[in-house]
C-alpha atoms as a PDB file:
ATOM      1  CA  UNK A   1       8.021 240.900-117.729  1.00  0.00           C
ATOM      2  CA  UNK A   2       9.920 237.572-118.125  1.00  0.00           C
ATOM      3  CA  UNK A   3      12.647 239.221-120.164  1.00  0.00           C
ATOM      4  CA  UNK A   4      13.217 241.779-117.430  1.00  0.00           C
ATOM      5  CA  UNK A   5      13.592 239.054-114.762  1.00  0.00           C
ATOM      6  CA  UNK A   6      15.975 237.053-116.972  1.00  0.00           C
ATOM      7  CA  UNK A   7      18.051 240.200-117.618  1.00  0.00           C
ATOM      8  CA  UNK A   8      18.207 240.922-113.842  1.00  0.00           C
ATOM      9  CA  UNK A   9      19.268 237.321-113.070  1.00  0.00           C
ATOM     10  CA  UNK A  10      21.968 237.339-115.743  1.00  0.00           C
ATOM     11  CA  UNK A  11      23.255 240.750-114.652  1.00  0.00           C
ATOM     12  CA  UNK A  12      23.294 239.653-110.955  1.00  0.00           C
ATOM     13  CA  UNK A  13      25.175 236.476-111.807  1.00  0.00           C
ATOM     14  CA  UNK A  14      27.779 238.325-113.828  1.00  0.00           C
ATOM     15  CA  UNK A  15      28.149 240.872-111.051  1.00  0.00           C
ATOM     16  CA  UNK A  16      28.748 238.121-108.469  1.00  0.00           C
ATOM     17  CA  UNK A  17      31.280 236.367-110.656  1.00  0.00           C
ATOM     18  CA  UNK A  18      33.160 239.588-111.376  1.00  0.00           C
ATOM     19  CA  UNK A  19      33.129 240.512-107.662  1.00  0.00           C
ATOM     20  CA  UNK A  20      34.630 237.163-106.752  1.00  0.00           C
ATOM     21  CA  UNK A  21      37.563 237.527-109.141  1.00  0.00           C
ATOM     22  CA  UNK A  22      38.192 241.142-108.149  1.00  0.00           C
ATOM     23  CA  UNK A  23      37.959 240.627-104.402  1.00  0.00           C
ATOM     24  CA  UNK A  24      39.377 237.096-104.014  1.00  0.00           C
ATOM     25  CA  UNK A  25      42.847 236.975-102.377  1.00  0.00           C
ATOM     26  CA  UNK A  26      45.704 236.294-104.768  1.00  0.00           C
ATOM     27  CA  UNK A  27      47.290 232.865-104.129  1.00  0.00           C
ATOM     28  CA  UNK A  28      50.369 233.165-106.324  1.00  0.00           C
ATOM     29  CA  UNK A  29      53.243 231.773-104.252  1.00  0.00           C
ATOM     30  CA  UNK A  30      56.463 233.582-105.119  1.00  0.00           C
ATOM     31  CA  UNK A  31      58.331 232.578-101.996  1.00  0.00           C
ATOM     32  CA  UNK A  32      61.623 230.686-102.190  1.00  0.00           C
ATOM     33  CA  UNK A  33      61.868 227.113-100.817  1.00  0.00           C
ATOM     34  CA  UNK A  34      63.046 226.962 -97.211  1.00  0.00           C
ATOM     35  CA  UNK A  35      66.729 226.203 -96.930  1.00  0.00           C
ATOM     36  CA  UNK A  36      67.769 223.581 -94.383  1.00  0.00           C
ATOM     37  CA  UNK A  37      71.138 222.709 -92.911  1.00  0.00           C
ATOM     38  CA  UNK A  38      71.480 219.760 -90.570  1.00  0.00           C
ATOM     39  CA  UNK A  39      73.500 216.699 -89.648  1.00  0.00           C
ATOM     40  CA  UNK A  40      72.038 213.231 -89.411  1.00  0.00           C
ATOM     41  CA  UNK A  41      72.206 209.620 -90.580  1.00  0.00           C
ATOM     42  CA  UNK A  42      71.045 207.931 -93.711  1.00  0.00           C
ATOM     43  CA  UNK A  43      68.609 205.228 -92.630  1.00  0.00           C
ATOM     44  CA  UNK A  44      66.746 202.461 -94.431  1.00  0.00           C
ATOM     45  CA  UNK A  45      63.013 202.560 -93.680  1.00  0.00           C
ATOM     46  CA  UNK A  46      61.084 199.338 -94.192  1.00  0.00           C
ATOM     47  CA  UNK A  47      57.740 200.919 -95.110  1.00  0.00           C
ATOM     48  CA  UNK A  48      55.917 200.907 -98.435  1.00  0.00           C
ATOM     49  CA  UNK A  49      58.483 198.626-100.090  1.00  0.00           C
ATOM     50  CA  UNK A  50      61.465 200.232 -98.343  1.00  0.00           C
ATOM     51  CA  UNK A  51      63.370 203.449 -99.001  1.00  0.00           C
ATOM     52  CA  UNK A  52      66.333 205.438 -97.755  1.00  0.00           C
ATOM     53  CA  UNK A  53      65.792 208.603 -95.775  1.00  0.00           C
ATOM     54  CA  UNK A  54      67.695 210.883 -93.423  1.00  0.00           C
ATOM     55  CA  UNK A  55      67.086 210.977 -89.668  1.00  0.00           C
ATOM     56  CA  UNK A  56      68.442 214.318 -88.457  1.00  0.00           C
ATOM     57  CA  UNK A  57      70.298 214.559 -85.156  1.00  0.00           C
ATOM     58  CA  UNK A  58      67.551 216.865 -83.877  1.00  0.00           C
ATOM     59  CA  UNK A  59      64.938 214.122 -84.425  1.00  0.00           C
ATOM     60  CA  UNK A  60      63.401 215.473 -87.631  1.00  0.00           C
ATOM     61  CA  UNK A  61      62.783 213.047 -90.498  1.00  0.00           C
ATOM     62  CA  UNK A  62      63.477 213.828 -94.163  1.00  0.00           C
ATOM     63  CA  UNK A  63      62.764 211.960 -97.395  1.00  0.00           C
ATOM     64  CA  UNK A  64      65.300 213.184 -99.988  1.00  0.00           C
ATOM     65  CA  UNK A  65      64.167 213.162-103.613  1.00  0.00           C
ATOM     66  CA  UNK A  66      67.720 213.004-104.972  1.00  0.00           C
ATOM     67  CA  UNK A  67      69.710 211.011-102.409  1.00  0.00           C
ATOM     68  CA  UNK A  68      71.294 208.664-104.915  1.00  0.00           C
ATOM     69  CA  UNK A  69      72.464 211.534-107.186  1.00  0.00           C
ATOM     70  CA  UNK A  70      73.796 213.498-104.177  1.00  0.00           C
ATOM     71  CA  UNK A  71      75.789 210.474-103.050  1.00  0.00           C
ATOM     72  CA  UNK A  72      77.269 210.014-106.518  1.00  0.00           C
ATOM     73  CA  UNK A  73      78.839 213.440-106.201  1.00  0.00           C
ATOM     74  CA  UNK A  74      80.662 212.279-103.034  1.00  0.00           C
ATOM     75  CA  UNK A  75      81.849 208.995-104.585  1.00  0.00           C
ATOM     76  CA  UNK A  76      80.064 206.991-101.880  1.00  0.00           C
ATOM     77  CA  UNK A  77      77.447 204.294-102.245  1.00  0.00           C
ATOM     78  CA  UNK A  78      74.088 204.213-100.482  1.00  0.00           C
ATOM     79  CA  UNK A  79      74.477 202.659 -97.040  1.00  0.00           C
ATOM     80  CA  UNK A  80      72.572 202.538 -93.800  1.00  0.00           C
ATOM     81  CA  UNK A  81      73.765 204.604 -90.787  1.00  0.00           C
ATOM     82  CA  UNK A  82      76.134 206.840 -92.795  1.00  0.00           C
ATOM     83  CA  UNK A  83      76.550 210.135 -90.906  1.00  0.00           C
ATOM     84  CA  UNK A  84      76.130 213.164 -93.173  1.00  0.00           C
ATOM     85  CA  UNK A  85      76.032 216.961 -93.221  1.00  0.00           C
ATOM     86  CA  UNK A  86      73.131 218.106 -95.445  1.00  0.00           C
ATOM     87  CA  UNK A  87      72.152 221.371 -97.134  1.00  0.00           C
ATOM     88  CA  UNK A  88      68.741 221.064 -98.748  1.00  0.00           C
ATOM     89  CA  UNK A  89      65.586 222.807 -99.913  1.00  0.00           C
ATOM     90  CA  UNK A  90      62.318 221.841 -98.286  1.00  0.00           C
ATOM     91  CA  UNK A  91      59.752 220.707-100.834  1.00  0.00           C
ATOM     92  CA  UNK A  92      56.498 222.166 -99.405  1.00  0.00           C
ATOM     93  CA  UNK A  93      54.217 221.258-102.317  1.00  0.00           C
ATOM     94  CA  UNK A  94      55.469 217.692-102.758  1.00  0.00           C
ATOM     95  CA  UNK A  95      53.174 214.736-102.291  1.00  0.00           C
ATOM     96  CA  UNK A  96      54.258 211.135-102.362  1.00  0.00           C
ATOM     97  CA  UNK A  97      53.693 207.654-101.004  1.00  0.00           C
ATOM     98  CA  UNK A  98      56.256 207.955 -98.183  1.00  0.00           C
ATOM     99  CA  UNK A  99      54.466 209.190 -95.068  1.00  0.00           C
ATOM    100  CA  UNK A 100      57.589 209.108 -92.965  1.00  0.00           C
ATOM    101  CA  UNK A 101      59.012 212.634 -93.123  1.00  0.00           C
ATOM    102  CA  UNK A 102      59.299 215.918 -94.992  1.00  0.00           C
ATOM    103  CA  UNK A 103      60.420 215.869 -98.600  1.00  0.00           C
ATOM    104  CA  UNK A 104      63.677 217.663 -99.438  1.00  0.00           C
ATOM    105  CA  UNK A 105      65.903 218.251-102.449  1.00  0.00           C
ATOM    106  CA  UNK A 106      69.559 217.908-101.446  1.00  0.00           C
ATOM    107  CA  UNK A 107      71.839 220.742-102.533  1.00  0.00           C
ATOM    108  CA  UNK A 108      74.985 219.321-100.931  1.00  0.00           C
ATOM    109  CA  UNK A 109      75.784 216.200 -98.940  1.00  0.00           C
ATOM    110  CA  UNK A 110      79.034 215.688 -97.041  1.00  0.00           C
ATOM    111  CA  UNK A 111      79.929 212.480 -95.193  1.00  0.00           C
ATOM    112  CA  UNK A 112      80.989 212.925 -91.583  1.00  0.00           C
ATOM    113  CA  UNK A 113      83.862 210.752 -90.478  1.00  0.00           C
ATOM    114  CA  UNK A 114      83.292 209.148 -87.088  1.00  0.00           C
END
């Protein structure tokens, strides 16, 4: 009698586990990062020890992960209030200490002459 109950419990548990894996929605994200194109200014933010970010002309805020490297390609140095044209990929899954804006990876950065 006990063996039959144990067998039923084990079988029920295995059935539930198998059902979960067969019926659960697939969460594999194969989408490409969102591409962004905008103009804005490089700004120095005095939060969490200070960092440079980009304030877009449309009001959106971005924290670039590779701002220094992107500037090296232009031959410019990092400076506050530099107007730029930016092409970037939005980093949806990125977490960090800067709670100021959305994280981006810059694909191209072009200074705008005023």
